[in-house]
Amino acid sequence: MRNIDGIGNWVLILMATASLVSMIAAFQLDIIVHVDLYNYGLQFSDAWAYPYWTAIRLIFAMSWLSLIATIAFQVYKTRVIRSLAKENEEELQVIISSESKDSIVEKTS
């Protein structure tokens, strides 16, 4: 189970990294369109601008969604693991205290 948990962490890290790389690539593409191509004579037109803006917004929305989901899942997973560890620790303390009481009763009998 621990190996699957470790693989899950790496998959989440890979997803977050891919999202960041996608956003950086979208920024670079935006710079190419808004700076370089205008220097080569690109003429603004709604025919290409609206699909371009839609695609850029979609890239950023999906990348942010992926990043937020990855972070939220990691936070949730960390909280669950901590609560399970705390419950296990409390159960262990109860077992130890009951065993120590039993051994005291046996010694007095």
PDB file of N, CA and C in Angstrom:
ATOM      1  N   MET A   1       0.825  -1.192   0.000  1.00  0.00           N
ATOM      2  CA  MET A   1       0.000   0.000   0.000  1.00  0.00           C
ATOM      3  C   MET A   1       0.869   1.255   0.000  1.00  0.00           C
ATOM      4  N   ARG A   2       1.999   1.182   0.651  1.00  0.00           N
ATOM      5  CA  ARG A   2       2.887   2.342   0.736  1.00  0.00           C
ATOM      6  C   ARG A   2       3.455   2.700  -0.637  1.00  0.00           C
ATOM      7  N   ASN A   3       3.740   1.668  -1.481  1.00  0.00           N
ATOM      8  CA  ASN A   3       4.259   1.930  -2.817  1.00  0.00           C
ATOM      9  C   ASN A   3       3.236   2.645  -3.676  1.00  0.00           C
ATOM     10  N   ILE A   4       1.974   2.233  -3.570  1.00  0.00           N
ATOM     11  CA  ILE A   4       0.913   2.882  -4.331  1.00  0.00           C
ATOM     12  C   ILE A   4       0.766   4.325  -3.884  1.00  0.00           C
ATOM     13  N   ASP A   5       0.876   4.567  -2.581  1.00  0.00           N
ATOM     14  CA  ASP A   5       0.779   5.914  -2.041  1.00  0.00           C
ATOM     15  C   ASP A   5       1.902   6.795  -2.583  1.00  0.00           C
ATOM     16  N   GLY A   6       3.115   6.248  -2.644  1.00  0.00           N
ATOM     17  CA  GLY A   6       4.251   6.997  -3.180  1.00  0.00           C
ATOM     18  C   GLY A   6       4.092   7.288  -4.658  1.00  0.00           C
ATOM     19  N   ILE A   7       3.571   6.318  -5.403  1.00  0.00           N
ATOM     20  CA  ILE A   7       3.330   6.524  -6.832  1.00  0.00           C
ATOM     21  C   ILE A   7       2.269   7.599  -7.023  1.00  0.00           C
ATOM     22  N   GLY A   8       1.246   7.581  -6.176  1.00  0.00           N
ATOM     23  CA  GLY A   8       0.197   8.605  -6.245  1.00  0.00           C
ATOM     24  C   GLY A   8       0.758   9.999  -6.036  1.00  0.00           C
ATOM     25  N   ASN A   9       1.687  10.133  -5.096  1.00  0.00           N
ATOM     26  CA  ASN A   9       2.321  11.437  -4.875  1.00  0.00           C
ATOM     27  C   ASN A   9       3.072  11.901  -6.116  1.00  0.00           C
ATOM     28  N   TRP A  10       3.796  10.992  -6.743  1.00  0.00           N
ATOM     29  CA  TRP A  10       4.560  11.359  -7.940  1.00  0.00           C
ATOM     30  C   TRP A  10       3.645  11.716  -9.104  1.00  0.00           C
ATOM     31  N   VAL A  11       2.523  11.018  -9.215  1.00  0.00           N
ATOM     32  CA  VAL A  11       1.564  11.343 -10.285  1.00  0.00           C
ATOM     33  C   VAL A  11       1.007  12.748 -10.072  1.00  0.00           C
ATOM     34  N   LEU A  12       0.687  13.085  -8.826  1.00  0.00           N
ATOM     35  CA  LEU A  12       0.175  14.416  -8.532  1.00  0.00           C
ATOM     36  C   LEU A  12       1.212  15.497  -8.806  1.00  0.00           C
ATOM     37  N   ILE A  13       2.445  15.227  -8.437  1.00  0.00           N
ATOM     38  CA  ILE A  13       3.521  16.186  -8.707  1.00  0.00           C
ATOM     39  C   ILE A  13       3.709  16.353 -10.212  1.00  0.00           C
ATOM     40  N   LEU A  14       3.640  15.260 -10.945  1.00  0.00           N
ATOM     41  CA  LEU A  14       3.765  15.317 -12.403  1.00  0.00           C
ATOM     42  C   LEU A  14       2.621  16.124 -13.020  1.00  0.00           C
ATOM     43  N   MET A  15       1.400  15.934 -12.515  1.00  0.00           N
ATOM     44  CA  MET A  15       0.255  16.701 -13.021  1.00  0.00           C
ATOM     45  C   MET A  15       0.432  18.198 -12.765  1.00  0.00           C
ATOM     46  N   ALA A  16       0.862  18.543 -11.573  1.00  0.00           N
ATOM     47  CA  ALA A  16       1.064  19.958 -11.242  1.00  0.00           C
ATOM     48  C   ALA A  16       2.169  20.562 -12.100  1.00  0.00           C
ATOM     49  N   THR A  17       3.234  19.805 -12.311  1.00  0.00           N
ATOM     50  CA  THR A  17       4.334  20.290 -13.154  1.00  0.00           C
ATOM     51  C   THR A  17       3.877  20.472 -14.590  1.00  0.00           C
ATOM     52  N   ALA A  18       3.108  19.533 -15.104  1.00  0.00           N
ATOM     53  CA  ALA A  18       2.592  19.649 -16.474  1.00  0.00           C
ATOM     54  C   ALA A  18       1.689  20.869 -16.610  1.00  0.00           C
ATOM     55  N   SER A  19       0.904  21.158 -15.590  1.00  0.00           N
ATOM     56  CA  SER A  19       0.047  22.342 -15.622  1.00  0.00           C
ATOM     57  C   SER A  19       0.871  23.623 -15.660  1.00  0.00           C
ATOM     58  N   LEU A  20       1.908  23.670 -14.842  1.00  0.00           N
ATOM     59  CA  LEU A  20       2.774  24.853 -14.847  1.00  0.00           C
ATOM     60  C   LEU A  20       3.477  25.035 -16.185  1.00  0.00           C
ATOM     61  N   VAL A  21       3.969  23.942 -16.751  1.00  0.00           N
ATOM     62  CA  VAL A  21       4.642  24.016 -18.050  1.00  0.00           C
ATOM     63  C   VAL A  21       3.659  24.474 -19.128  1.00  0.00           C
ATOM     64  N   SER A  22       2.432  23.998 -19.054  1.00  0.00           N
ATOM     65  CA  SER A  22       1.411  24.417 -20.020  1.00  0.00           C
ATOM     66  C   SER A  22       1.140  25.914 -19.925  1.00  0.00           C
ATOM     67  N   MET A  23       1.059  26.426 -18.702  1.00  0.00           N
ATOM     68  CA  MET A  23       0.821  27.864 -18.542  1.00  0.00           C
ATOM     69  C   MET A  23       2.003  28.691 -19.037  1.00  0.00           C
ATOM     70  N   ILE A  24       3.213  28.233 -18.774  1.00  0.00           N
ATOM     71  CA  ILE A  24       4.397  28.946 -19.265  1.00  0.00           C
ATOM     72  C   ILE A  24       4.424  28.943 -20.786  1.00  0.00           C
ATOM     73  N   ALA A  25       4.095  27.805 -21.395  1.00  0.00           N
ATOM     74  CA  ALA A  25       4.045  27.718 -22.856  1.00  0.00           C
ATOM     75  C   ALA A  25       2.963  28.635 -23.422  1.00  0.00           C
ATOM     76  N   ALA A  26       1.831  28.730 -22.736  1.00  0.00           N
ATOM     77  CA  ALA A  26       0.764  29.625 -23.196  1.00  0.00           C
ATOM     78  C   ALA A  26       1.205  31.082 -23.113  1.00  0.00           C
ATOM     79  N   PHE A  27       1.928  31.440 -22.048  1.00  0.00           N
ATOM     80  CA  PHE A  27       2.477  32.796 -21.958  1.00  0.00           C
ATOM     81  C   PHE A  27       3.431  33.072 -23.120  1.00  0.00           C
ATOM     82  N   GLN A  28       4.293  32.105 -23.429  1.00  0.00           N
ATOM     83  CA  GLN A  28       5.233  32.281 -24.537  1.00  0.00           C
ATOM     84  C   GLN A  28       4.501  32.431 -25.863  1.00  0.00           C
ATOM     85  N   LEU A  29       3.470  31.646 -26.068  1.00  0.00           N
ATOM     86  CA  LEU A  29       2.661  31.746 -27.278  1.00  0.00           C
ATOM     87  C   LEU A  29       1.991  33.116 -27.362  1.00  0.00           C
ATOM     88  N   ASP A  30       1.494  33.602 -26.243  1.00  0.00           N
ATOM     89  CA  ASP A  30       0.868  34.916 -26.200  1.00  0.00           C
ATOM     90  C   ASP A  30       1.867  36.013 -26.551  1.00  0.00           C
ATOM     91  N   ILE A  31       3.083  35.892 -26.059  1.00  0.00           N
ATOM     92  CA  ILE A  31       4.131  36.862 -26.390  1.00  0.00           C
ATOM     93  C   ILE A  31       4.444  36.825 -27.882  1.00  0.00           C
ATOM     94  N   ILE A  32       4.518  35.624 -28.440  1.00  0.00           N
ATOM     95  CA  ILE A  32       4.789  35.500 -29.884  1.00  0.00           C
ATOM     96  C   ILE A  32       3.694  36.187 -30.686  1.00  0.00           C
ATOM     97  N   VAL A  33       2.442  35.946 -30.324  1.00  0.00           N
ATOM     98  CA  VAL A  33       1.326  36.529 -31.078  1.00  0.00           C
ATOM     99  C   VAL A  33       1.278  38.043 -30.905  1.00  0.00           C
ATOM    100  N   HIS A  34       1.400  38.519 -29.668  1.00  0.00           N
ATOM    101  CA  HIS A  34       1.200  39.948 -29.416  1.00  0.00           C
ATOM    102  C   HIS A  34       2.427  40.819 -29.649  1.00  0.00           C
ATOM    103  N   VAL A  35       3.581  40.242 -29.792  1.00  0.00           N
ATOM    104  CA  VAL A  35       4.782  41.048 -30.021  1.00  0.00           C
ATOM    105  C   VAL A  35       5.403  40.715 -31.374  1.00  0.00           C
ATOM    106  N   ASP A  36       5.853  39.501 -31.507  1.00  0.00           N
ATOM    107  CA  ASP A  36       6.616  39.123 -32.698  1.00  0.00           C
ATOM    108  C   ASP A  36       5.778  39.157 -33.977  1.00  0.00           C
ATOM    109  N   LEU A  37       4.604  38.566 -33.962  1.00  0.00           N
ATOM    110  CA  LEU A  37       3.817  38.495 -35.192  1.00  0.00           C
ATOM    111  C   LEU A  37       3.326  39.862 -35.650  1.00  0.00           C
ATOM    112  N   TYR A  38       3.060  40.763 -34.709  1.00  0.00           N
ATOM    113  CA  TYR A  38       2.687  42.121 -35.126  1.00  0.00           C
ATOM    114  C   TYR A  38       3.855  42.820 -35.815  1.00  0.00           C
ATOM    115  N   ASN A  39       5.069  42.498 -35.406  1.00  0.00           N
ATOM    116  CA  ASN A  39       6.252  43.059 -36.076  1.00  0.00           C
ATOM    117  C   ASN A  39       6.398  42.525 -37.498  1.00  0.00           C
ATOM    118  N   TYR A  40       5.817  41.357 -37.773  1.00  0.00           N
ATOM    119  CA  TYR A  40       5.870  40.782 -39.116  1.00  0.00           C
ATOM    120  C   TYR A  40       4.612  41.093 -39.923  1.00  0.00           C
ATOM    121  N   GLY A  41       3.786  41.994 -39.441  1.00  0.00           N
ATOM    122  CA  GLY A  41       2.642  42.433 -40.217  1.00  0.00           C
ATOM    123  C   GLY A  41       1.321  41.778 -39.883  1.00  0.00           C
ATOM    124  N   LEU A  42       1.208  41.120 -38.760  1.00  0.00           N
ATOM    125  CA  LEU A  42      -0.066  40.520 -38.383  1.00  0.00           C
ATOM    126  C   LEU A  42      -1.109  41.608 -38.228  1.00  0.00           C
ATOM    127  N   GLN A  43      -2.250  41.421 -38.852  1.00  0.00           N
ATOM    128  CA  GLN A  43      -3.366  42.359 -38.744  1.00  0.00           C
ATOM    129  C   GLN A  43      -4.402  41.777 -37.797  1.00  0.00           C
ATOM    130  N   PHE A  44      -4.869  42.619 -36.863  1.00  0.00           N
ATOM    131  CA  PHE A  44      -5.874  42.152 -35.919  1.00  0.00           C
ATOM    132  C   PHE A  44      -7.178  41.873 -36.644  1.00  0.00           C
ATOM    133  N   SER A  45      -7.796  40.761 -36.252  1.00  0.00           N
ATOM    134  CA  SER A  45      -9.088  40.399 -36.804  1.00  0.00           C
ATOM    135  C   SER A  45      -9.850  39.596 -35.761  1.00  0.00           C
ATOM    136  N   ASP A  46     -11.143  39.884 -35.659  1.00  0.00           N
ATOM    137  CA  ASP A  46     -11.971  39.106 -34.734  1.00  0.00           C
ATOM    138  C   ASP A  46     -12.039  37.644 -35.144  1.00  0.00           C
ATOM    139  N   ALA A  47     -11.828  37.371 -36.407  1.00  0.00           N
ATOM    140  CA  ALA A  47     -11.911  36.000 -36.918  1.00  0.00           C
ATOM    141  C   ALA A  47     -10.875  35.089 -36.264  1.00  0.00           C
ATOM    142  N   TRP A  48      -9.678  35.593 -36.015  1.00  0.00           N
ATOM    143  CA  TRP A  48      -8.686  34.765 -35.346  1.00  0.00           C
ATOM    144  C   TRP A  48      -8.562  35.110 -33.864  1.00  0.00           C
ATOM    145  N   ALA A  49      -8.937  36.320 -33.452  1.00  0.00           N
ATOM    146  CA  ALA A  49      -8.738  36.746 -32.063  1.00  0.00           C
ATOM    147  C   ALA A  49      -9.651  35.990 -31.102  1.00  0.00           C
ATOM    148  N   TYR A  50     -10.930  35.846 -31.415  1.00  0.00           N
ATOM    149  CA  TYR A  50     -11.846  35.170 -30.495  1.00  0.00           C
ATOM    150  C   TYR A  50     -11.489  33.699 -30.266  1.00  0.00           C
ATOM    151  N   PRO A  51     -11.208  32.924 -31.308  1.00  0.00           N
ATOM    152  CA  PRO A  51     -10.779  31.542 -31.037  1.00  0.00           C
ATOM    153  C   PRO A  51      -9.458  31.475 -30.263  1.00  0.00           C
ATOM    154  N   TYR A  52      -8.549  32.405 -30.565  1.00  0.00           N
ATOM    155  CA  TYR A  52      -7.268  32.449 -29.859  1.00  0.00           C
ATOM    156  C   TYR A  52      -7.491  32.749 -28.378  1.00  0.00           C
ATOM    157  N   TRP A  53      -8.302  33.758 -28.072  1.00  0.00           N
ATOM    158  CA  TRP A  53      -8.567  34.110 -26.683  1.00  0.00           C
ATOM    159  C   TRP A  53      -9.278  32.969 -25.953  1.00  0.00           C
ATOM    160  N   THR A  54     -10.187  32.326 -26.632  1.00  0.00           N
ATOM    161  CA  THR A  54     -10.898  31.197 -26.028  1.00  0.00           C
ATOM    162  C   THR A  54      -9.932  30.063 -25.695  1.00  0.00           C
ATOM    163  N   ALA A  55      -9.036  29.765 -26.614  1.00  0.00           N
ATOM    164  CA  ALA A  55      -8.064  28.689 -26.385  1.00  0.00           C
ATOM    165  C   ALA A  55      -7.124  29.025 -25.232  1.00  0.00           C
ATOM    166  N   ILE A  56      -6.643  30.259 -25.182  1.00  0.00           N
ATOM    167  CA  ILE A  56      -5.735  30.670 -24.101  1.00  0.00           C
ATOM    168  C   ILE A  56      -6.455  30.598 -22.751  1.00  0.00           C
ATOM    169  N   ARG A  57      -7.684  31.093 -22.703  1.00  0.00           N
ATOM    170  CA  ARG A  57      -8.448  31.049 -21.453  1.00  0.00           C
ATOM    171  C   ARG A  57      -8.712  29.609 -21.022  1.00  0.00           C
ATOM    172  N   LEU A  58      -9.008  28.754 -21.972  1.00  0.00           N
ATOM    173  CA  LEU A  58      -9.248  27.346 -21.666  1.00  0.00           C
ATOM    174  C   LEU A  58      -7.988  26.677 -21.126  1.00  0.00           C
ATOM    175  N   ILE A  59      -6.852  26.985 -21.724  1.00  0.00           N
ATOM    176  CA  ILE A  59      -5.575  26.440 -21.245  1.00  0.00           C
ATOM    177  C   ILE A  59      -5.330  26.857 -19.800  1.00  0.00           C
ATOM    178  N   PHE A  60      -5.509  28.143 -19.522  1.00  0.00           N
ATOM    179  CA  PHE A  60      -5.271  28.623 -18.159  1.00  0.00           C
ATOM    180  C   PHE A  60      -6.295  28.070 -17.174  1.00  0.00           C
ATOM    181  N   ALA A  61      -7.560  28.000 -17.582  1.00  0.00           N
ATOM    182  CA  ALA A  61      -8.590  27.485 -16.678  1.00  0.00           C
ATOM    183  C   ALA A  61      -8.318  26.030 -16.316  1.00  0.00           C
ATOM    184  N   MET A  62      -7.996  25.212 -17.302  1.00  0.00           N
ATOM    185  CA  MET A  62      -7.747  23.797 -17.027  1.00  0.00           C
ATOM    186  C   MET A  62      -6.451  23.603 -16.230  1.00  0.00           C
ATOM    187  N   SER A  63      -5.461  24.415 -16.510  1.00  0.00           N
ATOM    188  CA  SER A  63      -4.206  24.316 -15.750  1.00  0.00           C
ATOM    189  C   SER A  63      -4.419  24.695 -14.293  1.00  0.00           C
ATOM    190  N   TRP A  64      -5.152  25.794 -14.057  1.00  0.00           N
ATOM    191  CA  TRP A  64      -5.430  26.188 -12.678  1.00  0.00           C
ATOM    192  C   TRP A  64      -6.287  25.148 -11.978  1.00  0.00           C
ATOM    193  N   LEU A  65      -7.268  24.605 -12.682  1.00  0.00           N
ATOM    194  CA  LEU A  65      -8.114  23.563 -12.099  1.00  0.00           C
ATOM    195  C   LEU A  65      -7.278  22.363 -11.676  1.00  0.00           C
ATOM    196  N   SER A  66      -6.361  21.960 -12.529  1.00  0.00           N
ATOM    197  CA  SER A  66      -5.490  20.833 -12.222  1.00  0.00           C
ATOM    198  C   SER A  66      -4.590  21.135 -11.018  1.00  0.00           C
ATOM    199  N   LEU A  67      -4.024  22.331 -10.981  1.00  0.00           N
ATOM    200  CA  LEU A  67      -3.166  22.704  -9.851  1.00  0.00           C
ATOM    201  C   LEU A  67      -3.958  22.748  -8.544  1.00  0.00           C
ATOM    202  N   ILE A  68      -5.130  23.361  -8.574  1.00  0.00           N
ATOM    203  CA  ILE A  68      -5.938  23.475  -7.364  1.00  0.00           C
ATOM    204  C   ILE A  68      -6.393  22.093  -6.888  1.00  0.00           C
ATOM    205  N   ALA A  69      -6.797  21.240  -7.817  1.00  0.00           N
ATOM    206  CA  ALA A  69      -7.222  19.884  -7.445  1.00  0.00           C
ATOM    207  C   ALA A  69      -6.061  19.098  -6.844  1.00  0.00           C
ATOM    208  N   THR A  70      -4.876  19.243  -7.411  1.00  0.00           N
ATOM    209  CA  THR A  70      -3.694  18.544  -6.896  1.00  0.00           C
ATOM    210  C   THR A  70      -3.367  19.007  -5.479  1.00  0.00           C
ATOM    211  N   ILE A  71      -3.369  20.310  -5.265  1.00  0.00           N
ATOM    212  CA  ILE A  71      -3.059  20.848  -3.940  1.00  0.00           C
ATOM    213  C   ILE A  71      -4.134  20.443  -2.937  1.00  0.00           C
ATOM    214  N   ALA A  72      -5.402  20.541  -3.340  1.00  0.00           N
ATOM    215  CA  ALA A  72      -6.498  20.171  -2.436  1.00  0.00           C
ATOM    216  C   ALA A  72      -6.417  18.697  -2.051  1.00  0.00           C
ATOM    217  N   PHE A  73      -6.110  17.834  -3.010  1.00  0.00           N
ATOM    218  CA  PHE A  73      -6.008  16.415  -2.700  1.00  0.00           C
ATOM    219  C   PHE A  73      -4.835  16.135  -1.766  1.00  0.00           C
ATOM    220  N   GLN A  74      -3.714  16.818  -1.987  1.00  0.00           N
ATOM    221  CA  GLN A  74      -2.566  16.613  -1.099  1.00  0.00           C
ATOM    222  C   GLN A  74      -2.883  17.069   0.322  1.00  0.00           C
ATOM    223  N   VAL A  75      -3.568  18.205   0.456  1.00  0.00           N
ATOM    224  CA  VAL A  75      -3.947  18.695   1.790  1.00  0.00           C
ATOM    225  C   VAL A  75      -4.905  17.712   2.454  1.00  0.00           C
ATOM    226  N   TYR A  76      -5.897  17.249   1.697  1.00  0.00           N
ATOM    227  CA  TYR A  76      -6.862  16.274   2.229  1.00  0.00           C
ATOM    228  C   TYR A  76      -6.144  14.999   2.663  1.00  0.00           C
ATOM    229  N   LYS A  77      -5.262  14.510   1.824  1.00  0.00           N
ATOM    230  CA  LYS A  77      -4.533  13.275   2.119  1.00  0.00           C
ATOM    231  C   LYS A  77      -3.671  13.433   3.364  1.00  0.00           C
ATOM    232  N   THR A  78      -3.019  14.570   3.503  1.00  0.00           N
ATOM    233  CA  THR A  78      -2.181  14.832   4.669  1.00  0.00           C
ATOM    234  C   THR A  78      -3.023  14.858   5.938  1.00  0.00           C
ATOM    235  N   ARG A  79      -4.185  15.498   5.875  1.00  0.00           N
ATOM    236  CA  ARG A  79      -5.055  15.553   7.051  1.00  0.00           C
ATOM    237  C   ARG A  79      -5.564  14.168   7.435  1.00  0.00           C
ATOM    238  N   VAL A  80      -5.936  13.368   6.447  1.00  0.00           N
ATOM    239  CA  VAL A  80      -6.420  12.018   6.725  1.00  0.00           C
ATOM    240  C   VAL A  80      -5.321  11.180   7.362  1.00  0.00           C
ATOM    241  N   ILE A  81      -4.122  11.264   6.827  1.00  0.00           N
ATOM    242  CA  ILE A  81      -3.003  10.490   7.366  1.00  0.00           C
ATOM    243  C   ILE A  81      -2.707  10.922   8.800  1.00  0.00           C
ATOM    244  N   ARG A  82      -2.739  12.234   9.059  1.00  0.00           N
ATOM    245  CA  ARG A  82      -2.477  12.718  10.419  1.00  0.00           C
ATOM    246  C   ARG A  82      -3.561  12.263  11.388  1.00  0.00           C
ATOM    247  N   SER A  83      -4.826  12.306  10.944  1.00  0.00           N
ATOM    248  CA  SER A  83      -5.909  11.884  11.842  1.00  0.00           C
ATOM    249  C   SER A  83      -5.832  10.384  12.115  1.00  0.00           C
ATOM    250  N   LEU A  84      -5.474   9.583  11.107  1.00  0.00           N
ATOM    251  CA  LEU A  84      -5.305   8.146  11.318  1.00  0.00           C
ATOM    252  C   LEU A  84      -4.146   7.865  12.270  1.00  0.00           C
ATOM    253  N   ALA A  85      -3.067   8.612  12.116  1.00  0.00           N
ATOM    254  CA  ALA A  85      -1.923   8.423  13.013  1.00  0.00           C
ATOM    255  C   ALA A  85      -2.301   8.793  14.439  1.00  0.00           C
ATOM    256  N   LYS A  86      -3.081   9.867  14.588  1.00  0.00           N
ATOM    257  CA  LYS A  86      -3.508  10.279  15.927  1.00  0.00           C
ATOM    258  C   LYS A  86      -4.430   9.229  16.540  1.00  0.00           C
ATOM    259  N   GLU A  87      -5.366   8.688  15.742  1.00  0.00           N
ATOM    260  CA  GLU A  87      -6.250   7.638  16.244  1.00  0.00           C
ATOM    261  C   GLU A  87      -5.461   6.398  16.643  1.00  0.00           C
ATOM    262  N   ASN A  88      -4.495   6.013  15.836  1.00  0.00           N
ATOM    263  CA  ASN A  88      -3.664   4.843  16.153  1.00  0.00           C
ATOM    264  C   ASN A  88      -2.870   5.070  17.427  1.00  0.00           C
ATOM    265  N   GLU A  89      -2.376   6.289  17.595  1.00  0.00           N
ATOM    266  CA  GLU A  89      -1.612   6.611  18.794  1.00  0.00           C
ATOM    267  C   GLU A  89      -2.506   6.544  20.033  1.00  0.00           C
ATOM    268  N   GLU A  90      -3.733   7.066  19.921  1.00  0.00           N
ATOM    269  CA  GLU A  90      -4.657   7.021  21.047  1.00  0.00           C
ATOM    270  C   GLU A  90      -5.039   5.584  21.382  1.00  0.00           C
ATOM    271  N   GLU A  91      -5.280   4.746  20.360  1.00  0.00           N
ATOM    272  CA  GLU A  91      -5.599   3.337  20.599  1.00  0.00           C
ATOM    273  C   GLU A  91      -4.433   2.627  21.275  1.00  0.00           C
ATOM    274  N   LEU A  92      -3.235   2.921  20.835  1.00  0.00           N
ATOM    275  CA  LEU A  92      -2.053   2.314  21.427  1.00  0.00           C
ATOM    276  C   LEU A  92      -1.912   2.716  22.891  1.00  0.00           C
ATOM    277  N   GLN A  93      -2.182   3.978  23.201  1.00  0.00           N
ATOM    278  CA  GLN A  93      -2.106   4.423  24.589  1.00  0.00           C
ATOM    279  C   GLN A  93      -3.149   3.726  25.449  1.00  0.00           C
ATOM    280  N   VAL A  94      -4.352   3.523  24.899  1.00  0.00           N
ATOM    281  CA  VAL A  94      -5.406   2.821  25.640  1.00  0.00           C
ATOM    282  C   VAL A  94      -4.986   1.375  25.889  1.00  0.00           C
ATOM    283  N   ILE A  95      -4.415   0.730  24.878  1.00  0.00           N
ATOM    284  CA  ILE A  95      -3.958  -0.658  25.031  1.00  0.00           C
ATOM    285  C   ILE A  95      -2.854  -0.753  26.063  1.00  0.00           C
ATOM    286  N   ILE A  96      -1.907   0.161  25.997  1.00  0.00           N
ATOM    287  CA  ILE A  96      -0.787   0.148  26.948  1.00  0.00           C
ATOM    288  C   ILE A  96      -1.286   0.389  28.364  1.00  0.00           C
ATOM    289  N   SER A  97      -2.206   1.353  28.520  1.00  0.00           N
ATOM    290  CA  SER A  97      -2.704   1.629  29.880  1.00  0.00           C
ATOM    291  C   SER A  97      -3.523   0.465  30.417  1.00  0.00           C
ATOM    292  N   SER A  98      -4.296  -0.209  29.548  1.00  0.00           N
ATOM    293  CA  SER A  98      -5.071  -1.359  30.026  1.00  0.00           C
ATOM    294  C   SER A  98      -4.149  -2.527  30.360  1.00  0.00           C
ATOM    295  N   GLU A  99      -3.080  -2.708  29.606  1.00  0.00           N
ATOM    296  CA  GLU A  99      -2.126  -3.784  29.908  1.00  0.00           C
ATOM    297  C   GLU A  99      -1.387  -3.506  31.212  1.00  0.00           C
ATOM    298  N   SER A 100      -1.060  -2.248  31.434  1.00  0.00           N
ATOM    299  CA  SER A 100      -0.360  -1.933  32.675  1.00  0.00           C
ATOM    300  C   SER A 100      -1.276  -2.120  33.889  1.00  0.00           C
ATOM    301  N   LYS A 101      -2.565  -1.811  33.747  1.00  0.00           N
ATOM    302  CA  LYS A 101      -3.522  -2.037  34.830  1.00  0.00           C
ATOM    303  C   LYS A 101      -3.683  -3.527  35.090  1.00  0.00           C
ATOM    304  N   ASP A 102      -3.721  -4.337  34.027  1.00  0.00           N
ATOM    305  CA  ASP A 102      -3.844  -5.790  34.171  1.00  0.00           C
ATOM    306  C   ASP A 102      -2.629  -6.358  34.890  1.00  0.00           C
ATOM    307  N   SER A 103      -1.442  -5.856  34.544  1.00  0.00           N
ATOM    308  CA  SER A 103      -0.234  -6.383  35.182  1.00  0.00           C
ATOM    309  C   SER A 103      -0.187  -5.972  36.649  1.00  0.00           C
ATOM    310  N   ILE A 104      -0.725  -4.802  36.996  1.00  0.00           N
ATOM    311  CA  ILE A 104      -0.755  -4.373  38.397  1.00  0.00           C
ATOM    312  C   ILE A 104      -1.728  -5.249  39.175  1.00  0.00           C
ATOM    313  N   VAL A 105      -2.867  -5.575  38.576  1.00  0.00           N
ATOM    314  CA  VAL A 105      -3.862  -6.437  39.221  1.00  0.00           C
ATOM    315  C   VAL A 105      -3.271  -7.824  39.433  1.00  0.00           C
ATOM    316  N   GLU A 106      -2.541  -8.365  38.485  1.00  0.00           N
ATOM    317  CA  GLU A 106      -1.942  -9.684  38.604  1.00  0.00           C
ATOM    318  C   GLU A 106      -0.890  -9.703  39.708  1.00  0.00           C
ATOM    319  N   LYS A 107      -0.125  -8.633  39.850  1.00  0.00           N
ATOM    320  CA  LYS A 107       0.929  -8.591  40.857  1.00  0.00           C
ATOM    321  C   LYS A 107       0.329  -8.518  42.274  1.00  0.00           C
ATOM    322  N   THR A 108      -0.796  -7.844  42.410  1.00  0.00           N
ATOM    323  CA  THR A 108      -1.418  -7.725  43.746  1.00  0.00           C
ATOM    324  C   THR A 108      -2.191  -8.977  44.113  1.00  0.00           C
ATOM    325  N   SER A 109      -2.543  -9.839  43.187  1.00  0.00           N
ATOM    326  CA  SER A 109      -3.341 -11.029  43.500  1.00  0.00           C
ATOM    327  C   SER A 109      -2.526 -12.150  44.025  1.00  0.00           C
TER     328      SER A 109
END
